[in-house]
């Protein structure tokens, strides 16, 4: 599963269950009969927006708030989206996993509010393009975690 991204496998094997038990994340496993198709993990994150330009802050926060006084904001974190590299189910793709994860976030949003979803995409053009097709936008600089990652966000209020 996910041979191209060892971080994903490490998370699933070493952290997903513990994070679930401690109510830090929710991980959704996708299976068909006996086959693993993939998984997604969502969470809540407090974003440090103190270094963002005033115009960008204004777009992200509530219109009644001054961007000068806002340095943090809550967001939904799409922590993992992973498809099994050897998935044999015809027609199943990573977009199906992404769509389900965003539906779960929208369900939470209907109950408690919020409008921003963030993720750190692996810095691969094909993957970034898939996120952009759904509406995600790049922000911030690429950074190294073990891999190069590109921060992205999606405004669900649009």
C-alpha atoms as a PDB file:
ATOM      1  CA  UNK A   1       0.000   0.000   0.000  1.00  0.00           C
ATOM      2  CA  UNK A   2       1.320   3.448  -0.948  1.00  0.00           C
ATOM      3  CA  UNK A   3       4.832   2.277  -1.766  1.00  0.00           C
ATOM      4  CA  UNK A   4       5.629   5.744  -3.137  1.00  0.00           C
ATOM      5  CA  UNK A   5       4.961   7.443   0.195  1.00  0.00           C
ATOM      6  CA  UNK A   6       6.381   5.611   3.207  1.00  0.00           C
ATOM      7  CA  UNK A   7       5.083   8.327   5.594  1.00  0.00           C
ATOM      8  CA  UNK A   8       1.519   7.249   4.851  1.00  0.00           C
ATOM      9  CA  UNK A   9       2.227   3.617   5.723  1.00  0.00           C
ATOM     10  CA  UNK A  10       4.122   4.638   8.870  1.00  0.00           C
ATOM     11  CA  UNK A  11       1.187   6.797  10.000  1.00  0.00           C
ATOM     12  CA  UNK A  12      -1.327   4.016   9.454  1.00  0.00           C
ATOM     13  CA  UNK A  13       0.788   1.394  11.224  1.00  0.00           C
ATOM     14  CA  UNK A  14       2.142   3.482  14.100  1.00  0.00           C
ATOM     15  CA  UNK A  15      -0.148   6.444  14.790  1.00  0.00           C
ATOM     16  CA  UNK A  16      -3.666   6.102  13.365  1.00  0.00           C
ATOM     17  CA  UNK A  17      -5.051   3.764  16.028  1.00  0.00           C
ATOM     18  CA  UNK A  18      -3.524   5.677  18.955  1.00  0.00           C
ATOM     19  CA  UNK A  19      -4.719   9.030  17.551  1.00  0.00           C
ATOM     20  CA  UNK A  20      -8.201   7.571  17.179  1.00  0.00           C
ATOM     21  CA  UNK A  21      -8.242   6.300  20.783  1.00  0.00           C
ATOM     22  CA  UNK A  22      -7.203   9.724  22.070  1.00  0.00           C
ATOM     23  CA  UNK A  23      -9.806  11.524  19.905  1.00  0.00           C
ATOM     24  CA  UNK A  24      -7.106  13.442  18.031  1.00  0.00           C
ATOM     25  CA  UNK A  25      -8.122  12.267  14.553  1.00  0.00           C
ATOM     26  CA  UNK A  26     -10.692  10.204  12.725  1.00  0.00           C
ATOM     27  CA  UNK A  27      -9.376   7.688  10.220  1.00  0.00           C
ATOM     28  CA  UNK A  28     -11.681   6.168   7.611  1.00  0.00           C
ATOM     29  CA  UNK A  29     -10.624   2.843   6.114  1.00  0.00           C
ATOM     30  CA  UNK A  30     -11.924   1.944   2.660  1.00  0.00           C
ATOM     31  CA  UNK A  31     -12.262  -1.733   1.813  1.00  0.00           C
ATOM     32  CA  UNK A  32     -14.011  -3.884  -0.734  1.00  0.00           C
ATOM     33  CA  UNK A  33     -14.547  -7.514   0.244  1.00  0.00           C
ATOM     34  CA  UNK A  34     -11.120  -8.492   1.611  1.00  0.00           C
ATOM     35  CA  UNK A  35      -9.152  -5.796  -0.208  1.00  0.00           C
ATOM     36  CA  UNK A  36      -7.730  -2.569   1.239  1.00  0.00           C
ATOM     37  CA  UNK A  37      -8.587   0.312  -1.056  1.00  0.00           C
ATOM     38  CA  UNK A  38      -7.146   3.188   0.976  1.00  0.00           C
ATOM     39  CA  UNK A  39      -7.791   5.493   3.903  1.00  0.00           C
ATOM     40  CA  UNK A  40      -8.229   9.119   4.926  1.00  0.00           C
ATOM     41  CA  UNK A  41      -7.630  10.902   8.212  1.00  0.00           C
ATOM     42  CA  UNK A  42      -9.188  14.172   9.338  1.00  0.00           C
ATOM     43  CA  UNK A  43      -8.602  16.328  12.391  1.00  0.00           C
ATOM     44  CA  UNK A  44      -8.857  19.862  13.710  1.00  0.00           C
ATOM     45  CA  UNK A  45      -5.896  22.220  13.559  1.00  0.00           C
ATOM     46  CA  UNK A  46      -5.200  25.721  14.819  1.00  0.00           C
ATOM     47  CA  UNK A  47      -3.499  27.643  12.027  1.00  0.00           C
ATOM     48  CA  UNK A  48      -0.893  30.281  12.746  1.00  0.00           C
ATOM     49  CA  UNK A  49      -1.853  33.040  10.323  1.00  0.00           C
ATOM     50  CA  UNK A  50       0.260  35.760  11.933  1.00  0.00           C
ATOM     51  CA  UNK A  51       2.709  35.907   9.010  1.00  0.00           C
ATOM     52  CA  UNK A  52       0.104  35.999   6.252  1.00  0.00           C
ATOM     53  CA  UNK A  53      -0.490  39.207   4.335  1.00  0.00           C
ATOM     54  CA  UNK A  54      -3.389  41.326   5.557  1.00  0.00           C
ATOM     55  CA  UNK A  55      -5.385  40.702   2.355  1.00  0.00           C
ATOM     56  CA  UNK A  56      -5.028  36.925   2.677  1.00  0.00           C
ATOM     57  CA  UNK A  57      -6.046  37.057   6.342  1.00  0.00           C
ATOM     58  CA  UNK A  58      -9.102  39.112   5.442  1.00  0.00           C
ATOM     59  CA  UNK A  59     -10.222  36.433   2.968  1.00  0.00           C
ATOM     60  CA  UNK A  60      -9.784  33.668   5.522  1.00  0.00           C
ATOM     61  CA  UNK A  61     -11.431  35.166   8.599  1.00  0.00           C
ATOM     62  CA  UNK A  62     -14.938  36.326   9.362  1.00  0.00           C
ATOM     63  CA  UNK A  63     -15.765  39.627   7.690  1.00  0.00           C
ATOM     64  CA  UNK A  64     -16.652  41.227  11.022  1.00  0.00           C
ATOM     65  CA  UNK A  65     -13.162  40.637  12.441  1.00  0.00           C
ATOM     66  CA  UNK A  66     -10.135  42.842  11.913  1.00  0.00           C
ATOM     67  CA  UNK A  67      -7.234  40.942  10.324  1.00  0.00           C
ATOM     68  CA  UNK A  68      -4.856  43.019  12.462  1.00  0.00           C
ATOM     69  CA  UNK A  69      -5.984  41.224  15.606  1.00  0.00           C
ATOM     70  CA  UNK A  70      -6.181  37.701  14.208  1.00  0.00           C
ATOM     71  CA  UNK A  71      -3.104  35.501  14.477  1.00  0.00           C
ATOM     72  CA  UNK A  72      -4.747  32.083  14.685  1.00  0.00           C
ATOM     73  CA  UNK A  73      -7.798  30.401  13.243  1.00  0.00           C
ATOM     74  CA  UNK A  74      -9.341  26.945  13.461  1.00  0.00           C
ATOM     75  CA  UNK A  75      -9.366  24.710  10.407  1.00  0.00           C
ATOM     76  CA  UNK A  76     -10.126  21.156   9.461  1.00  0.00           C
ATOM     77  CA  UNK A  77      -6.984  19.206   8.665  1.00  0.00           C
ATOM     78  CA  UNK A  78      -7.072  16.623   5.927  1.00  0.00           C
ATOM     79  CA  UNK A  79      -4.107  14.797   7.408  1.00  0.00           C
ATOM     80  CA  UNK A  80      -3.965  11.751   5.133  1.00  0.00           C
ATOM     81  CA  UNK A  81      -5.440  10.681   1.815  1.00  0.00           C
ATOM     82  CA  UNK A  82      -3.982   7.429   0.542  1.00  0.00           C
ATOM     83  CA  UNK A  83      -4.942   4.851  -2.060  1.00  0.00           C
ATOM     84  CA  UNK A  84      -3.585   1.331  -2.221  1.00  0.00           C
ATOM     85  CA  UNK A  85      -1.137   1.199  -5.143  1.00  0.00           C
ATOM     86  CA  UNK A  86      -2.295  -2.286  -6.073  1.00  0.00           C
ATOM     87  CA  UNK A  87      -6.032  -1.707  -5.699  1.00  0.00           C
ATOM     88  CA  UNK A  88      -7.852  -3.956  -8.158  1.00  0.00           C
ATOM     89  CA  UNK A  89     -11.334  -2.428  -7.839  1.00  0.00           C
ATOM     90  CA  UNK A  90     -12.067  -1.005 -11.260  1.00  0.00           C
ATOM     91  CA  UNK A  91     -12.966   2.677 -11.225  1.00  0.00           C
ATOM     92  CA  UNK A  92     -11.903   3.322  -7.622  1.00  0.00           C
ATOM     93  CA  UNK A  93      -9.438   6.198  -7.331  1.00  0.00           C
ATOM     94  CA  UNK A  94      -7.920   8.621  -4.834  1.00  0.00           C
ATOM     95  CA  UNK A  95     -10.614  11.164  -5.755  1.00  0.00           C
ATOM     96  CA  UNK A  96     -13.213   8.823  -4.215  1.00  0.00           C
ATOM     97  CA  UNK A  97     -11.293   8.904  -0.928  1.00  0.00           C
ATOM     98  CA  UNK A  98     -10.884  12.686  -1.111  1.00  0.00           C
ATOM     99  CA  UNK A  99     -14.591  13.166  -1.858  1.00  0.00           C
ATOM    100  CA  UNK A 100     -15.604  11.044   1.130  1.00  0.00           C
ATOM    101  CA  UNK A 101     -13.177  12.855   3.466  1.00  0.00           C
ATOM    102  CA  UNK A 102     -14.545  16.233   2.364  1.00  0.00           C
ATOM    103  CA  UNK A 103     -18.110  14.963   2.907  1.00  0.00           C
ATOM    104  CA  UNK A 104     -17.208  13.971   6.472  1.00  0.00           C
ATOM    105  CA  UNK A 105     -15.676  17.410   7.050  1.00  0.00           C
ATOM    106  CA  UNK A 106     -18.819  19.020   5.646  1.00  0.00           C
ATOM    107  CA  UNK A 107     -20.919  16.933   8.072  1.00  0.00           C
ATOM    108  CA  UNK A 108     -18.819  18.243  10.978  1.00  0.00           C
ATOM    109  CA  UNK A 109     -19.046  21.760   9.587  1.00  0.00           C
ATOM    110  CA  UNK A 110     -22.844  21.544   9.548  1.00  0.00           C
ATOM    111  CA  UNK A 111     -22.754  20.799  13.289  1.00  0.00           C
ATOM    112  CA  UNK A 112     -20.015  23.113  14.563  1.00  0.00           C
ATOM    113  CA  UNK A 113     -19.157  25.590  11.802  1.00  0.00           C
ATOM    114  CA  UNK A 114     -15.801  26.363  10.271  1.00  0.00           C
ATOM    115  CA  UNK A 115     -14.917  26.967   6.672  1.00  0.00           C
ATOM    116  CA  UNK A 116     -11.264  26.192   5.978  1.00  0.00           C
ATOM    117  CA  UNK A 117      -9.713  22.814   5.169  1.00  0.00           C
ATOM    118  CA  UNK A 118      -5.926  22.552   5.076  1.00  0.00           C
ATOM    119  CA  UNK A 119      -3.568  19.850   3.939  1.00  0.00           C
ATOM    120  CA  UNK A 120       0.111  19.394   3.258  1.00  0.00           C
ATOM    121  CA  UNK A 121       0.321  17.854  -0.199  1.00  0.00           C
ATOM    122  CA  UNK A 122       3.302  15.882  -1.299  1.00  0.00           C
ATOM    123  CA  UNK A 123       5.056  18.228  -3.741  1.00  0.00           C
ATOM    124  CA  UNK A 124       4.214  16.265  -6.889  1.00  0.00           C
ATOM    125  CA  UNK A 125       2.570  18.219  -9.709  1.00  0.00           C
ATOM    126  CA  UNK A 126       0.045  15.471 -10.538  1.00  0.00           C
ATOM    127  CA  UNK A 127      -1.123  15.265  -6.903  1.00  0.00           C
ATOM    128  CA  UNK A 128      -1.300  19.052  -6.471  1.00  0.00           C
ATOM    129  CA  UNK A 129      -3.355  19.331  -9.683  1.00  0.00           C
ATOM    130  CA  UNK A 130      -5.884  16.810  -8.283  1.00  0.00           C
ATOM    131  CA  UNK A 131      -6.315  18.921  -5.153  1.00  0.00           C
ATOM    132  CA  UNK A 132      -6.601  22.103  -7.245  1.00  0.00           C
ATOM    133  CA  UNK A 133      -9.400  20.520  -9.306  1.00  0.00           C
ATOM    134  CA  UNK A 134     -11.428  20.198  -6.086  1.00  0.00           C
ATOM    135  CA  UNK A 135     -10.721  23.842  -5.183  1.00  0.00           C
ATOM    136  CA  UNK A 136      -7.614  23.690  -2.993  1.00  0.00           C
ATOM    137  CA  UNK A 137      -5.156  26.576  -3.386  1.00  0.00           C
ATOM    138  CA  UNK A 138      -1.441  26.590  -2.590  1.00  0.00           C
ATOM    139  CA  UNK A 139      -0.304  28.826   0.245  1.00  0.00           C
ATOM    140  CA  UNK A 140       3.014  29.237   1.973  1.00  0.00           C
ATOM    141  CA  UNK A 141       6.330  27.787   0.956  1.00  0.00           C
ATOM    142  CA  UNK A 142       7.174  24.168   0.279  1.00  0.00           C
ATOM    143  CA  UNK A 143       8.751  22.649   3.392  1.00  0.00           C
ATOM    144  CA  UNK A 144      10.566  19.445   4.230  1.00  0.00           C
ATOM    145  CA  UNK A 145       9.006  16.966   6.632  1.00  0.00           C
ATOM    146  CA  UNK A 146      10.679  13.762   5.387  1.00  0.00           C
ATOM    147  CA  UNK A 147       9.359  14.702   1.936  1.00  0.00           C
ATOM    148  CA  UNK A 148       8.797  18.070   0.328  1.00  0.00           C
ATOM    149  CA  UNK A 149       5.272  19.201   1.200  1.00  0.00           C
ATOM    150  CA  UNK A 150       3.149  22.003  -0.252  1.00  0.00           C
ATOM    151  CA  UNK A 151       0.599  23.573   2.135  1.00  0.00           C
ATOM    152  CA  UNK A 152      -2.834  24.012   0.533  1.00  0.00           C
ATOM    153  CA  UNK A 153      -6.244  25.215   1.700  1.00  0.00           C
ATOM    154  CA  UNK A 154      -9.855  25.006   0.612  1.00  0.00           C
ATOM    155  CA  UNK A 155     -12.513  27.556   1.566  1.00  0.00           C
ATOM    156  CA  UNK A 156     -15.762  25.622   2.027  1.00  0.00           C
ATOM    157  CA  UNK A 157     -17.841  28.800   2.305  1.00  0.00           C
ATOM    158  CA  UNK A 158     -17.554  29.472  -1.426  1.00  0.00           C
END
